[in-house]
Amino acid sequence: MNDTDSTLLSYFDTAADGFCDRLRSVPDTCWENATPCTEWNVRQLANHMIQGSRIYTSLLRGGSSAEFMANLDHEALNGDLVTTYRGAVAECRAAFHAVGALDRIVDYPFGPVPGRQLLGLYVVDAVTHTWDLARAVRLDERLNAPTVHWILNNFQWIYHGVSESPITDSNRYYGSLTESPMSDTSEQDRLLHTMGRKL
């Protein structure tokens, strides 16, 4: 991974904003819709993204992996979901921008990683769940192409040393790899296949 820190941080913004754009467009009648993450409906998916931002912030500020796991499924849906999500993302953004944050080793539950790699993990999660949300509510499913390209080019680095990941054939937190895409499949489809999504 040869990107500058400012470039890396820009992928965080693009990924987080992409999810927020879809979240703002969820009709009031669709919060109980099923999503490609079969254990979550739309409201629960939003909860995951809000709580995920909060626990990544905690890790960057010295939180433990035990705290991460204890809070992973905590109910975070207080008030307006878009406002709550934006607040959680703003805190997470500030934590990643803090001096030394990208070099600090954090106690990620599936293996200690530097903050820079944690940011990559966040980006993959946010981008994948942006598609999940769009598919669940029939919104625009097109993901940011440069961010998808960056993920694919850095996939091994993002998941290096992480015990629960798509490259370790884990089915606990990631869907099983779906059918192998053809060579002419778009980069977005390749990423979604890798993340276990059925198109």
Protein backbone atom coordinates (compact mmCIF):
# COMPACT_ATOMS: atom_id res chain seq x y z
CA MET A 1 0.00 0.00 0.00
CA ASN A 2 1.72 3.14 -1.26
CA ASP A 3 -0.98 5.77 -0.78
CA THR A 4 -0.32 8.93 1.17
CA ASP A 5 -2.17 9.33 4.45
CA SER A 6 -4.33 12.10 2.98
CA THR A 7 -5.36 9.83 0.11
CA LEU A 8 -6.13 7.01 2.50
CA LEU A 9 -8.23 9.30 4.68
CA SER A 10 -10.12 10.47 1.61
CA TYR A 11 -11.29 6.88 1.02
CA PHE A 12 -12.78 6.92 4.51
CA ASP A 13 -14.79 10.02 3.62
CA THR A 14 -15.98 8.61 0.31
CA ALA A 15 -17.04 5.30 1.87
CA ALA A 16 -18.79 6.86 4.85
CA ASP A 17 -20.55 9.48 2.71
CA GLY A 18 -21.70 6.85 0.23
CA PHE A 19 -23.54 4.99 2.97
CA CYS A 20 -24.99 8.25 4.31
CA ASP A 21 -26.31 9.21 0.87
CA ARG A 22 -28.32 5.96 0.71
CA LEU A 23 -29.39 6.20 4.36
CA ARG A 24 -30.90 9.65 3.74
CA SER A 25 -33.01 8.18 0.95
CA VAL A 26 -34.55 5.24 2.85
CA PRO A 27 -38.35 5.59 2.72
CA ASP A 28 -40.15 5.45 6.06
CA THR A 29 -41.88 2.24 4.96
CA CYS A 30 -38.62 0.35 4.30
CA TRP A 31 -36.84 0.11 7.66
CA GLU A 32 -37.95 -3.48 8.13
CA ASN A 33 -36.88 -4.58 4.64
CA ALA A 34 -34.58 -7.58 4.46
CA THR A 35 -30.98 -6.94 3.36
CA PRO A 36 -28.33 -9.13 1.68
CA CYS A 37 -26.92 -9.51 5.23
CA THR A 38 -29.55 -12.10 6.09
CA GLU A 39 -29.42 -11.53 9.85
CA TRP A 40 -30.20 -7.80 9.52
CA ASN A 41 -33.05 -5.71 8.26
CA VAL A 42 -32.42 -2.14 7.06
CA ARG A 43 -32.72 -0.64 10.54
CA GLN A 44 -30.30 -3.22 11.98
CA LEU A 45 -27.85 -2.59 9.15
CA ALA A 46 -27.90 1.12 9.97
CA ASN A 47 -27.33 0.21 13.61
CA HIS A 48 -24.28 -1.85 12.60
CA MET A 49 -22.76 1.06 10.72
CA ILE A 50 -23.41 3.51 13.56
CA GLN A 51 -22.05 1.18 16.21
CA GLY A 52 -19.15 0.17 13.98
CA SER A 53 -18.04 3.79 13.70
CA ARG A 54 -18.24 4.16 17.45
CA ILE A 55 -16.23 1.07 18.29
CA TYR A 56 -13.56 1.88 15.69
CA THR A 57 -13.28 5.25 17.41
CA SER A 58 -12.87 3.46 20.73
CA LEU A 59 -10.13 1.21 19.36
CA LEU A 60 -8.20 4.19 18.02
CA ARG A 61 -8.41 5.82 21.45
CA GLY A 62 -7.06 2.77 23.29
CA GLY A 63 -10.14 0.58 23.60
CA SER A 64 -9.79 -3.19 23.89
CA SER A 65 -10.91 -6.02 21.64
CA ALA A 66 -13.13 -7.26 24.48
CA GLU A 67 -14.94 -3.92 24.49
CA PHE A 68 -15.23 -4.13 20.71
CA MET A 69 -16.99 -7.50 20.84
CA ALA A 70 -19.17 -6.54 23.81
CA ASN A 71 -20.49 -3.48 21.97
CA LEU A 72 -20.70 -4.91 18.46
CA ASP A 73 -24.44 -5.59 18.57
CA HIS A 74 -25.36 -2.84 21.03
CA GLU A 75 -28.52 -0.94 20.13
CA ALA A 76 -27.37 2.47 18.87
CA LEU A 77 -30.56 3.76 17.31
CA ASN A 78 -31.41 6.86 19.30
CA GLY A 79 -33.26 9.65 17.50
CA ASP A 80 -32.91 10.37 13.79
CA LEU A 81 -30.76 7.69 12.16
CA VAL A 82 -29.07 9.98 9.66
CA THR A 83 -28.10 12.47 12.38
CA THR A 84 -26.89 9.65 14.63
CA TYR A 85 -24.85 8.12 11.81
CA ARG A 86 -23.28 11.45 10.88
CA GLY A 87 -22.30 12.07 14.50
CA ALA A 88 -20.71 8.64 14.85
CA VAL A 89 -18.80 9.07 11.58
CA ALA A 90 -17.59 12.54 12.59
CA GLU A 91 -16.13 11.10 15.80
CA CYS A 92 -14.51 8.25 13.88
CA ARG A 93 -13.09 10.63 11.28
CA ALA A 94 -11.57 12.77 14.03
CA ALA A 95 -10.03 9.69 15.65
CA PHE A 96 -8.39 8.61 12.38
CA HIS A 97 -7.10 12.16 11.82
CA ALA A 98 -5.54 12.41 15.28
CA VAL A 99 -1.76 12.72 15.35
CA GLY A 100 -0.18 9.26 15.24
CA ALA A 101 -3.48 7.42 14.85
CA LEU A 102 -2.62 5.72 11.56
CA ASP A 103 0.61 4.28 12.99
CA ARG A 104 -0.79 3.23 16.37
CA ILE A 105 -1.31 -0.51 16.86
CA VAL A 106 -4.90 -1.12 17.91
CA ASP A 107 -6.37 -4.12 19.69
CA TYR A 108 -8.57 -5.29 16.82
CA PRO A 109 -10.32 -8.51 17.94
CA PHE A 110 -9.11 -10.56 14.97
CA GLY A 111 -5.49 -9.55 15.27
CA PRO A 112 -3.61 -6.37 16.24
CA VAL A 113 -3.36 -3.97 13.31
CA PRO A 114 -2.04 -0.43 12.79
CA GLY A 115 -4.61 2.33 12.51
CA ARG A 116 -3.85 2.64 8.80
CA GLN A 117 -4.97 -0.94 8.21
CA LEU A 118 -7.99 -0.46 10.47
CA LEU A 119 -9.04 2.38 8.19
CA GLY A 120 -8.86 0.00 5.24
CA LEU A 121 -11.09 -2.46 7.07
CA TYR A 122 -13.58 0.32 7.75
CA VAL A 123 -13.63 1.31 4.07
CA VAL A 124 -14.38 -2.23 2.88
CA ASP A 125 -17.17 -2.61 5.44
CA ALA A 126 -18.76 0.73 4.57
CA VAL A 127 -18.58 0.20 0.81
CA THR A 128 -20.00 -3.32 0.99
CA HIS A 129 -22.84 -2.27 3.27
CA THR A 130 -23.61 0.69 1.02
CA TRP A 131 -24.45 -1.82 -1.68
CA ASP A 132 -26.42 -3.92 0.82
CA LEU A 133 -28.52 -0.91 1.78
CA ALA A 134 -29.06 0.13 -1.82
CA ARG A 135 -30.13 -3.37 -2.82
CA ALA A 136 -32.51 -3.66 0.15
CA VAL A 137 -34.29 -0.38 -0.62
CA ARG A 138 -33.89 -0.34 -4.43
CA LEU A 139 -31.62 2.68 -4.49
CA ASP A 140 -28.63 3.40 -6.74
CA GLU A 141 -26.31 0.39 -6.38
CA ARG A 142 -23.35 1.97 -8.16
CA LEU A 143 -20.40 2.24 -5.78
CA ASN A 144 -17.61 4.79 -6.03
CA ALA A 145 -15.40 3.28 -8.73
CA PRO A 146 -12.00 4.64 -7.53
CA THR A 147 -12.68 3.33 -4.02
CA VAL A 148 -13.67 -0.10 -5.32
CA HIS A 149 -10.51 -0.15 -7.45
CA TRP A 150 -8.40 0.79 -4.42
CA ILE A 151 -9.94 -1.98 -2.31
CA LEU A 152 -9.28 -4.64 -4.93
CA ASN A 153 -5.68 -3.49 -5.40
CA ASN A 154 -5.05 -3.54 -1.65
CA PHE A 155 -7.19 -6.46 -0.56
CA GLN A 156 -4.32 -8.60 0.69
CA TRP A 157 -2.85 -5.68 2.64
CA ILE A 158 -6.21 -4.76 4.19
CA TYR A 159 -6.75 -8.28 5.53
CA HIS A 160 -3.14 -9.20 6.26
CA GLY A 161 -2.94 -10.98 9.62
CA VAL A 162 -6.69 -10.69 10.24
CA SER A 163 -8.06 -14.06 11.35
CA GLU A 164 -11.68 -13.43 10.36
CA SER A 165 -11.70 -12.22 6.77
CA PRO A 166 -12.79 -13.07 3.23
CA ILE A 167 -9.28 -14.36 2.44
CA THR A 168 -9.41 -16.87 5.31
CA ASP A 169 -12.67 -18.45 4.05
CA SER A 170 -14.45 -17.24 7.17
CA ASN A 171 -18.22 -17.60 7.16
CA ARG A 172 -18.79 -16.15 10.61
CA TYR A 173 -18.74 -12.49 9.64
CA TYR A 174 -18.42 -12.73 5.86
CA GLY A 175 -20.50 -14.47 3.28
CA SER A 176 -19.02 -17.38 1.38
CA LEU A 177 -17.39 -16.45 -1.90
CA THR A 178 -20.06 -16.60 -4.59
CA GLU A 179 -19.58 -17.91 -8.12
CA SER A 180 -16.28 -16.98 -9.70
CA PRO A 181 -16.77 -13.88 -11.84
CA MET A 182 -15.74 -13.89 -15.49
CA SER A 183 -12.65 -11.92 -16.47
CA ASP A 184 -14.80 -9.21 -18.02
CA THR A 185 -16.91 -8.70 -14.89
CA SER A 186 -16.84 -5.17 -13.50
CA GLU A 187 -14.60 -4.37 -10.56
CA GLN A 188 -17.67 -3.67 -8.44
CA ASP A 189 -19.08 -7.13 -9.18
CA ARG A 190 -15.70 -8.73 -8.46
CA LEU A 191 -15.60 -7.05 -5.06
CA LEU A 192 -19.16 -8.03 -4.23
CA HIS A 193 -18.55 -11.65 -5.25
CA THR A 194 -15.47 -11.67 -3.03
CA MET A 195 -17.54 -10.36 -0.13
CA GLY A 196 -20.08 -13.15 -0.64
CA ARG A 197 -22.85 -11.12 -2.26
CA LYS A 198 -25.24 -12.66 -4.76
CA LEU A 199 -25.97 -10.24 -7.58
